[in-house]
Protein backbone atom coordinates (compact mmCIF):
# COMPACT_ATOMS: atom_id res chain seq x y z
CA MET A 1 -5.97 -46.75 100.30
CA ASN A 2 -2.56 -45.76 99.01
CA TYR A 3 -1.97 -43.15 96.33
CA VAL A 4 1.00 -42.68 94.01
CA ALA A 5 2.19 -39.88 91.73
CA PHE A 6 4.42 -40.83 88.80
CA PHE A 7 6.71 -38.13 87.46
CA ASP A 8 9.09 -37.63 84.56
CA PRO A 9 12.80 -36.73 84.70
CA THR A 10 11.91 -33.03 84.88
CA GLY A 11 9.69 -33.47 87.96
CA ARG A 12 6.46 -33.01 86.02
CA ILE A 13 3.69 -35.28 87.33
CA VAL A 14 2.55 -37.45 84.44
CA ASP A 15 0.06 -39.73 86.22
CA VAL A 16 -1.59 -40.33 89.58
CA ASP A 17 -2.96 -43.68 90.65
CA CYS A 18 -4.91 -44.93 93.63
CA SER A 19 -3.99 -48.59 93.23
CA ALA A 20 -0.35 -48.59 92.25
CA GLN A 21 1.49 -48.75 95.57
CA ASP A 22 3.24 -51.92 94.39
CA LEU A 23 4.42 -50.10 91.24
CA ALA A 24 5.89 -47.34 93.39
CA LYS A 25 8.11 -49.63 95.47
CA GLY A 26 11.68 -49.11 94.34
CA ASN A 27 10.56 -46.91 91.45
CA PRO A 28 12.67 -43.72 91.34
CA TRP A 29 9.94 -42.04 89.28
CA ALA A 30 7.11 -42.42 91.79
CA ILE A 31 6.23 -41.04 95.21
CA LYS A 32 3.43 -41.81 97.63
CA ILE A 33 0.88 -39.06 98.07
CA SER A 34 -2.12 -38.51 100.33
CA ALA A 35 -5.76 -38.95 99.39
CA ALA A 36 -6.21 -35.18 99.50
CA GLN A 37 -3.26 -34.65 97.17
CA TYR A 38 -4.47 -37.35 94.77
CA LYS A 39 -7.24 -35.15 93.40
CA THR A 40 -5.19 -31.99 92.94
CA VAL A 41 -1.49 -32.63 92.32
CA LYS A 42 -1.53 -33.32 88.58
CA GLY A 43 -1.32 -29.93 86.90
CA THR A 44 -0.77 -27.99 90.14
CA HIS A 45 2.43 -29.49 91.59
CA HIS A 46 5.73 -30.98 90.56
CA VAL A 47 8.29 -33.16 92.32
CA ASN A 48 11.56 -31.76 93.59
CA LEU A 49 14.01 -34.27 92.10
CA LYS A 50 16.54 -33.97 94.94
CA SER A 51 14.18 -34.26 97.90
CA LYS A 52 11.46 -36.35 96.15
CA LYS A 53 8.83 -34.07 97.71
CA LEU A 54 5.82 -32.39 96.14
CA VAL A 55 6.21 -28.69 95.40
CA LYS A 56 3.36 -26.37 94.48
CA GLY A 57 3.62 -25.08 90.94
CA VAL A 58 4.16 -26.81 87.63
CA VAL A 59 7.45 -27.23 85.80
CA ALA A 60 7.38 -24.25 83.45
CA ASN A 61 10.41 -24.94 81.28
CA PRO A 62 11.46 -28.53 81.75
CA ASN A 63 15.02 -29.43 80.86
CA GLN A 64 15.55 -31.34 77.66
CA VAL A 65 15.07 -35.02 78.34
CA GLY A 66 17.07 -37.64 76.52
CA TRP A 67 16.10 -41.15 75.57
CA ALA A 68 18.32 -42.57 78.33
CA GLU A 69 16.12 -40.94 80.99
CA ILE A 70 12.96 -42.13 79.25
CA ARG A 71 14.28 -45.69 79.04
CA SER A 72 15.29 -45.58 82.70
CA GLN A 73 11.82 -44.51 83.77
CA ARG A 74 10.23 -47.05 81.45
CA ASP A 75 12.45 -49.84 82.80
CA CYS A 76 11.37 -49.06 86.37
CA LEU A 77 7.73 -49.22 85.35
CA LEU A 78 8.37 -52.52 83.57
CA VAL A 79 9.93 -54.01 86.70
CA GLY A 80 6.98 -52.97 88.87
CA SER A 81 4.39 -54.20 86.41
CA GLY A 82 6.33 -57.44 85.94
CA GLN A 83 6.10 -58.09 89.68
CA LYS A 84 2.34 -57.52 89.58
CA LEU A 85 2.03 -59.78 86.53
CA THR A 86 3.87 -62.55 88.37
CA GLU A 87 1.45 -62.23 91.30
CA TYR A 88 -1.56 -62.71 89.02
CA MET A 89 0.04 -65.72 87.35
CA LEU A 90 0.63 -67.63 90.58
CA PRO A 91 -1.98 -70.41 90.87
CA ASP A 92 -3.06 -69.60 94.45
CA SER A 93 -3.05 -65.82 94.16
CA PHE A 94 -6.21 -63.74 94.45
CA PRO A 95 -8.52 -66.61 95.46
CA THR A 96 -11.62 -64.39 95.33
CA MET A 97 -11.15 -63.72 91.60
CA THR A 98 -12.56 -65.93 88.91
CA PRO A 99 -10.13 -67.29 86.30
CA ALA A 100 -11.67 -64.92 83.75
CA GLN A 101 -11.08 -61.92 86.04
CA LYS A 102 -7.46 -62.95 86.61
CA GLN A 103 -6.95 -63.40 82.86
CA ALA A 104 -8.40 -59.94 82.22
CA LYS A 105 -5.90 -58.45 84.72
CA ILE A 106 -3.05 -60.40 83.08
CA ASP A 107 -4.11 -59.24 79.60
CA ALA A 108 -4.30 -55.60 80.76
CA LEU A 109 -0.83 -55.81 82.30
CA LEU A 110 0.60 -57.42 79.16
CA ALA A 111 -0.90 -54.64 77.02
CA TYR A 112 0.47 -52.00 79.41
CA ARG A 113 3.93 -53.57 79.34
CA GLN A 114 3.89 -53.63 75.52
CA ALA A 115 2.87 -49.96 75.45
CA LEU A 116 5.83 -49.21 77.75
CA ARG A 117 8.18 -51.06 75.40
CA ASP A 118 6.80 -49.04 72.49
CA ILE A 119 7.60 -45.71 74.21
CA THR A 120 10.81 -45.37 72.23
CA LYS A 121 8.81 -45.42 68.98
CA GLN A 122 7.56 -41.94 69.83
CA LYS A 123 9.50 -39.19 68.09
CA ASP A 124 10.19 -36.65 70.84
CA PRO A 125 11.47 -37.65 74.31
CA ASN A 126 10.25 -34.31 75.66
CA ASN A 127 6.64 -35.01 74.71
CA ILE A 128 6.17 -38.63 75.71
CA ILE A 129 2.64 -39.91 76.12
CA TRP A 130 2.89 -42.49 78.90
CA PRO A 131 0.43 -45.37 79.02
CA THR A 132 -1.89 -45.50 82.01
CA PRO A 133 -1.21 -48.40 84.40
CA PRO A 134 -4.16 -50.80 84.55
CA ALA A 135 -6.37 -50.65 87.63
């Protein structure tokens, strides 16, 4: 199984996921992590923005983040989730799933993508509440 940590423009880890390897591909705000790290990194580590490596310790005083950085991160997440949405919509994809299961996955991704688009409705770019990617 592959694990991913998503981080914000300050290096603070905002989410970890065990099923989002496809969302991490090409996403500058995500890194692959090990199974052992998956259970402990959120709240105990941050990401060095230059090396894209995990570092022990949390970001104590994150730099002020602007809306441009938030939109950039959001856009990357939209691209990744759009690719996954396309996979579910292909007629021959996921042959072991029932049509109802596929529709549930599609609906969850559509809701997630809308929540990402609504990010800019939040008032403070330094206190963004990111939606959780669907499983």
